[in-house]
Amino acid sequence: MTVITQTAGYGGNQLRTQENDMTTLNFTKTEAPEWLLAMWKEIDDKTFGKGFDCFADDAVCNLGVADWRGREGIRESLREFIDKGMTTHHDVVEYWDGGSLKIFRGLVTMNFDDPAKEPVRPVMTHFFYMDKTDPAKVSRWVGSVGPTEF
């Protein structure tokens, strides 16, 4: 199977082909783990503290077009994004645990500082790939939110 992947975010948009081995995983629908809830709480409270310890030091985060590198890069990039004029509240709808891969679906309420902007509540879907050497840490976070309007 040939899979098209992006090699860079933020306008890089260089595409390359990559051969991937296919894998079968079993998933269990369960309650969201504490590490995930702690991370969302840090974002919602705009504290950006220990909740980000769930990421490996060299974790990669791809949210939409974002390409953020390292735990501290992810923390600071999210802080910069959220602090640009909104407050959020994340709600868990469902969480699936596949061992090395965790899948989260939820809703995020976005209240904007600009009173002319109405709040929105888009759907979120996130994939958390766990670190091979430390399976308690996230090595890659791929997610999407929205659309927020049509």
C-alpha atoms as a PDB file:
ATOM      1  CA  MET A   1       0.000   0.000   0.000  1.00  0.00           C
ATOM      2  CA  THR A   2       1.268   3.485  -0.786  1.00  0.00           C
ATOM      3  CA  VAL A   3       0.368   6.256   1.612  1.00  0.00           C
ATOM      4  CA  ILE A   4       0.788   9.958   0.829  1.00  0.00           C
ATOM      5  CA  THR A   5       2.170  11.880   3.794  1.00  0.00           C
ATOM      6  CA  GLN A   6       3.025  15.511   4.451  1.00  0.00           C
ATOM      7  CA  THR A   7       6.679  16.122   5.229  1.00  0.00           C
ATOM      8  CA  ALA A   8       6.210  19.623   6.631  1.00  0.00           C
ATOM      9  CA  GLY A   9       3.482  21.793   8.070  1.00  0.00           C
ATOM     10  CA  TYR A  10       2.783  25.500   7.757  1.00  0.00           C
ATOM     11  CA  GLY A  11       3.019  25.870   4.016  1.00  0.00           C
ATOM     12  CA  GLY A  12       5.729  23.251   3.414  1.00  0.00           C
ATOM     13  CA  ASN A  13       3.166  20.968   1.808  1.00  0.00           C
ATOM     14  CA  GLN A  14       5.840  18.830   0.196  1.00  0.00           C
ATOM     15  CA  LEU A  15       4.374  15.407  -0.464  1.00  0.00           C
ATOM     16  CA  ARG A  16       6.278  12.153  -0.628  1.00  0.00           C
ATOM     17  CA  THR A  17       5.260   8.532  -0.892  1.00  0.00           C
ATOM     18  CA  GLN A  18       5.976   6.137   1.900  1.00  0.00           C
ATOM     19  CA  GLU A  19       5.542   2.371   2.068  1.00  0.00           C
ATOM     20  CA  ASN A  20       3.735   1.366   5.242  1.00  0.00           C
ATOM     21  CA  ASP A  21       3.348  -2.018   6.868  1.00  0.00           C
ATOM     22  CA  MET A  22      -0.248  -2.630   7.879  1.00  0.00           C
ATOM     23  CA  THR A  23      -1.021  -3.600  11.473  1.00  0.00           C
ATOM     24  CA  THR A  24      -4.130  -4.905  13.185  1.00  0.00           C
ATOM     25  CA  LEU A  25      -4.962  -3.573  16.650  1.00  0.00           C
ATOM     26  CA  ASN A  26      -7.809  -4.410  18.992  1.00  0.00           C
ATOM     27  CA  PHE A  27      -9.425  -1.433  20.727  1.00  0.00           C
ATOM     28  CA  THR A  28     -11.360  -1.246  23.972  1.00  0.00           C
ATOM     29  CA  LYS A  29     -13.830   1.561  24.596  1.00  0.00           C
ATOM     30  CA  THR A  30     -13.107   2.795  28.096  1.00  0.00           C
ATOM     31  CA  GLU A  31     -13.051   5.848  30.327  1.00  0.00           C
ATOM     32  CA  ALA A  32     -10.545   8.507  29.335  1.00  0.00           C
ATOM     33  CA  PRO A  33      -7.308   8.109  31.319  1.00  0.00           C
ATOM     34  CA  GLU A  34      -6.139  10.644  33.864  1.00  0.00           C
ATOM     35  CA  TRP A  35      -3.207  11.790  31.686  1.00  0.00           C
ATOM     36  CA  LEU A  36      -5.595  12.849  28.909  1.00  0.00           C
ATOM     37  CA  LEU A  37      -8.018  14.603  31.253  1.00  0.00           C
ATOM     38  CA  ALA A  38      -5.098  16.401  32.933  1.00  0.00           C
ATOM     39  CA  MET A  39      -3.818  17.644  29.573  1.00  0.00           C
ATOM     40  CA  TRP A  40      -7.241  19.021  28.536  1.00  0.00           C
ATOM     41  CA  LYS A  41      -7.638  20.646  31.972  1.00  0.00           C
ATOM     42  CA  GLU A  42      -4.281  22.425  31.584  1.00  0.00           C
ATOM     43  CA  ILE A  43      -5.467  23.821  28.235  1.00  0.00           C
ATOM     44  CA  ASP A  44      -8.921  24.799  29.548  1.00  0.00           C
ATOM     45  CA  ASP A  45      -7.435  26.457  32.655  1.00  0.00           C
ATOM     46  CA  LYS A  46      -4.641  28.080  30.588  1.00  0.00           C
ATOM     47  CA  THR A  47      -2.046  26.788  33.060  1.00  0.00           C
ATOM     48  CA  PHE A  48      -0.078  24.532  30.657  1.00  0.00           C
ATOM     49  CA  GLY A  49       1.693  22.739  33.506  1.00  0.00           C
ATOM     50  CA  LYS A  50       2.199  19.105  34.531  1.00  0.00           C
ATOM     51  CA  GLY A  51      -0.638  17.876  32.300  1.00  0.00           C
ATOM     52  CA  PHE A  52       1.827  18.071  29.427  1.00  0.00           C
ATOM     53  CA  ASP A  53       4.129  15.564  31.133  1.00  0.00           C
ATOM     54  CA  CYS A  54       2.195  12.882  29.206  1.00  0.00           C
ATOM     55  CA  PHE A  55       4.347  13.757  26.167  1.00  0.00           C
ATOM     56  CA  ALA A  56       7.780  12.302  25.481  1.00  0.00           C
ATOM     57  CA  ASP A  57      10.543  14.929  25.376  1.00  0.00           C
ATOM     58  CA  ASP A  58      10.770  14.566  21.577  1.00  0.00           C
ATOM     59  CA  ALA A  59       7.019  14.206  20.892  1.00  0.00           C
ATOM     60  CA  VAL A  60       5.518  15.534  17.656  1.00  0.00           C
ATOM     61  CA  CYS A  61       2.102  17.188  17.440  1.00  0.00           C
ATOM     62  CA  ASN A  62       0.219  17.669  14.168  1.00  0.00           C
ATOM     63  CA  LEU A  63      -3.072  19.491  14.731  1.00  0.00           C
ATOM     64  CA  GLY A  64      -4.460  20.571  11.392  1.00  0.00           C
ATOM     65  CA  VAL A  65      -1.531  22.321   9.686  1.00  0.00           C
ATOM     66  CA  ALA A  66       0.481  22.633  12.914  1.00  0.00           C
ATOM     67  CA  ASP A  67       3.812  20.823  13.141  1.00  0.00           C
ATOM     68  CA  TRP A  68       4.985  21.271  16.719  1.00  0.00           C
ATOM     69  CA  ARG A  69       8.131  19.513  17.972  1.00  0.00           C
ATOM     70  CA  GLY A  70       9.063  18.455  21.495  1.00  0.00           C
ATOM     71  CA  ARG A  71       7.046  18.533  24.716  1.00  0.00           C
ATOM     72  CA  GLU A  72       8.007  22.138  25.411  1.00  0.00           C
ATOM     73  CA  GLY A  73       7.316  23.167  21.808  1.00  0.00           C
ATOM     74  CA  ILE A  74       3.842  21.608  22.005  1.00  0.00           C
ATOM     75  CA  ARG A  75       3.145  23.305  25.337  1.00  0.00           C
ATOM     76  CA  GLU A  76       4.289  26.751  24.159  1.00  0.00           C
ATOM     77  CA  SER A  77       2.593  26.523  20.751  1.00  0.00           C
ATOM     78  CA  LEU A  78      -0.747  25.589  22.332  1.00  0.00           C
ATOM     79  CA  ARG A  79      -0.349  28.382  24.882  1.00  0.00           C
ATOM     80  CA  GLU A  80       0.285  30.875  22.083  1.00  0.00           C
ATOM     81  CA  PHE A  81      -2.693  29.584  20.071  1.00  0.00           C
ATOM     82  CA  ILE A  82      -5.179  29.573  22.977  1.00  0.00           C
ATOM     83  CA  ASP A  83      -3.988  32.910  24.380  1.00  0.00           C
ATOM     84  CA  LYS A  84      -4.796  34.622  21.063  1.00  0.00           C
ATOM     85  CA  GLY A  85      -8.309  35.380  22.118  1.00  0.00           C
ATOM     86  CA  MET A  86     -10.308  32.408  23.326  1.00  0.00           C
ATOM     87  CA  THR A  87     -11.150  30.233  26.279  1.00  0.00           C
ATOM     88  CA  THR A  88     -11.867  26.547  25.705  1.00  0.00           C
ATOM     89  CA  HIS A  89     -13.616  23.678  27.429  1.00  0.00           C
ATOM     90  CA  HIS A  90     -12.952  20.107  26.228  1.00  0.00           C
ATOM     91  CA  ASP A  91     -15.539  17.341  26.675  1.00  0.00           C
ATOM     92  CA  VAL A  92     -14.832  13.639  26.232  1.00  0.00           C
ATOM     93  CA  VAL A  93     -17.419  11.836  24.106  1.00  0.00           C
ATOM     94  CA  GLU A  94     -15.545   8.566  23.692  1.00  0.00           C
ATOM     95  CA  TYR A  95     -12.090   7.106  24.212  1.00  0.00           C
ATOM     96  CA  TRP A  96     -10.666   3.958  22.636  1.00  0.00           C
ATOM     97  CA  ASP A  97      -7.518   2.235  23.905  1.00  0.00           C
ATOM     98  CA  GLY A  98      -5.559   0.128  21.432  1.00  0.00           C
ATOM     99  CA  GLY A  99      -2.383  -0.199  23.485  1.00  0.00           C
ATOM    100  CA  SER A 100       0.155   1.623  21.320  1.00  0.00           C
ATOM    101  CA  LEU A 101      -2.581   3.848  19.835  1.00  0.00           C
ATOM    102  CA  LYS A 102      -5.275   5.750  21.715  1.00  0.00           C
ATOM    103  CA  ILE A 103      -8.217   7.434  19.952  1.00  0.00           C
ATOM    104  CA  PHE A 104     -10.227  10.256  21.466  1.00  0.00           C
ATOM    105  CA  ARG A 105     -13.393  11.884  20.170  1.00  0.00           C
ATOM    106  CA  GLY A 106     -14.917  14.873  21.837  1.00  0.00           C
ATOM    107  CA  LEU A 107     -16.268  18.387  21.621  1.00  0.00           C
ATOM    108  CA  VAL A 108     -14.512  21.639  22.374  1.00  0.00           C
ATOM    109  CA  THR A 109     -16.431  24.756  23.335  1.00  0.00           C
ATOM    110  CA  MET A 110     -14.572  27.853  22.136  1.00  0.00           C
ATOM    111  CA  ASN A 111     -15.592  31.163  23.704  1.00  0.00           C
ATOM    112  CA  PHE A 112     -13.893  34.092  22.023  1.00  0.00           C
ATOM    113  CA  ASP A 113     -12.675  37.236  23.753  1.00  0.00           C
ATOM    114  CA  ASP A 114     -14.169  39.261  20.892  1.00  0.00           C
ATOM    115  CA  PRO A 115     -17.864  39.720  21.852  1.00  0.00           C
ATOM    116  CA  ALA A 116     -18.773  39.973  18.164  1.00  0.00           C
ATOM    117  CA  LYS A 117     -17.796  36.313  17.698  1.00  0.00           C
ATOM    118  CA  GLU A 118     -20.331  33.699  18.715  1.00  0.00           C
ATOM    119  CA  PRO A 119     -19.076  30.675  20.672  1.00  0.00           C
ATOM    120  CA  VAL A 120     -18.580  27.491  18.631  1.00  0.00           C
ATOM    121  CA  ARG A 121     -18.529  23.815  19.658  1.00  0.00           C
ATOM    122  CA  PRO A 122     -16.782  21.752  16.982  1.00  0.00           C
ATOM    123  CA  VAL A 123     -16.078  18.030  17.043  1.00  0.00           C
ATOM    124  CA  MET A 124     -12.513  16.883  17.785  1.00  0.00           C
ATOM    125  CA  THR A 125     -10.811  13.642  16.833  1.00  0.00           C
ATOM    126  CA  HIS A 126      -7.324  12.869  18.125  1.00  0.00           C
ATOM    127  CA  PHE A 127      -4.897   9.988  17.696  1.00  0.00           C
ATOM    128  CA  PHE A 128      -2.230   9.475  20.369  1.00  0.00           C
ATOM    129  CA  TYR A 129       0.657   7.208  19.394  1.00  0.00           C
ATOM    130  CA  MET A 130       2.451   5.970  22.476  1.00  0.00           C
ATOM    131  CA  ASP A 131       6.236   5.970  22.764  1.00  0.00           C
ATOM    132  CA  LYS A 132       7.876   2.627  21.970  1.00  0.00           C
ATOM    133  CA  THR A 133      10.478   2.931  24.740  1.00  0.00           C
ATOM    134  CA  ASP A 134       8.136   4.465  27.344  1.00  0.00           C
ATOM    135  CA  PRO A 135       4.544   3.391  26.558  1.00  0.00           C
ATOM    136  CA  ALA A 136       3.212   5.713  29.294  1.00  0.00           C
ATOM    137  CA  LYS A 137       4.241   8.727  27.167  1.00  0.00           C
ATOM    138  CA  VAL A 138       2.757  10.083  23.929  1.00  0.00           C
ATOM    139  CA  SER A 139       5.290  10.235  21.090  1.00  0.00           C
ATOM    140  CA  ARG A 140       2.960  11.603  18.410  1.00  0.00           C
ATOM    141  CA  TRP A 141      -0.355  13.457  18.575  1.00  0.00           C
ATOM    142  CA  VAL A 142      -2.368  13.826  15.389  1.00  0.00           C
ATOM    143  CA  GLY A 143      -5.696  15.586  15.580  1.00  0.00           C
ATOM    144  CA  SER A 144      -8.320  17.709  13.971  1.00  0.00           C
ATOM    145  CA  VAL A 145     -10.954  20.127  15.201  1.00  0.00           C
ATOM    146  CA  GLY A 146     -13.860  21.430  13.229  1.00  0.00           C
ATOM    147  CA  PRO A 147     -14.893  22.748  10.966  1.00  0.00           C
ATOM    148  CA  THR A 148     -15.897  25.736  13.052  1.00  0.00           C
ATOM    149  CA  GLU A 149     -18.067  27.185  10.279  1.00  0.00           C
ATOM    150  CA  PHE A 150     -19.124  26.710   6.655  1.00  0.00           C
END
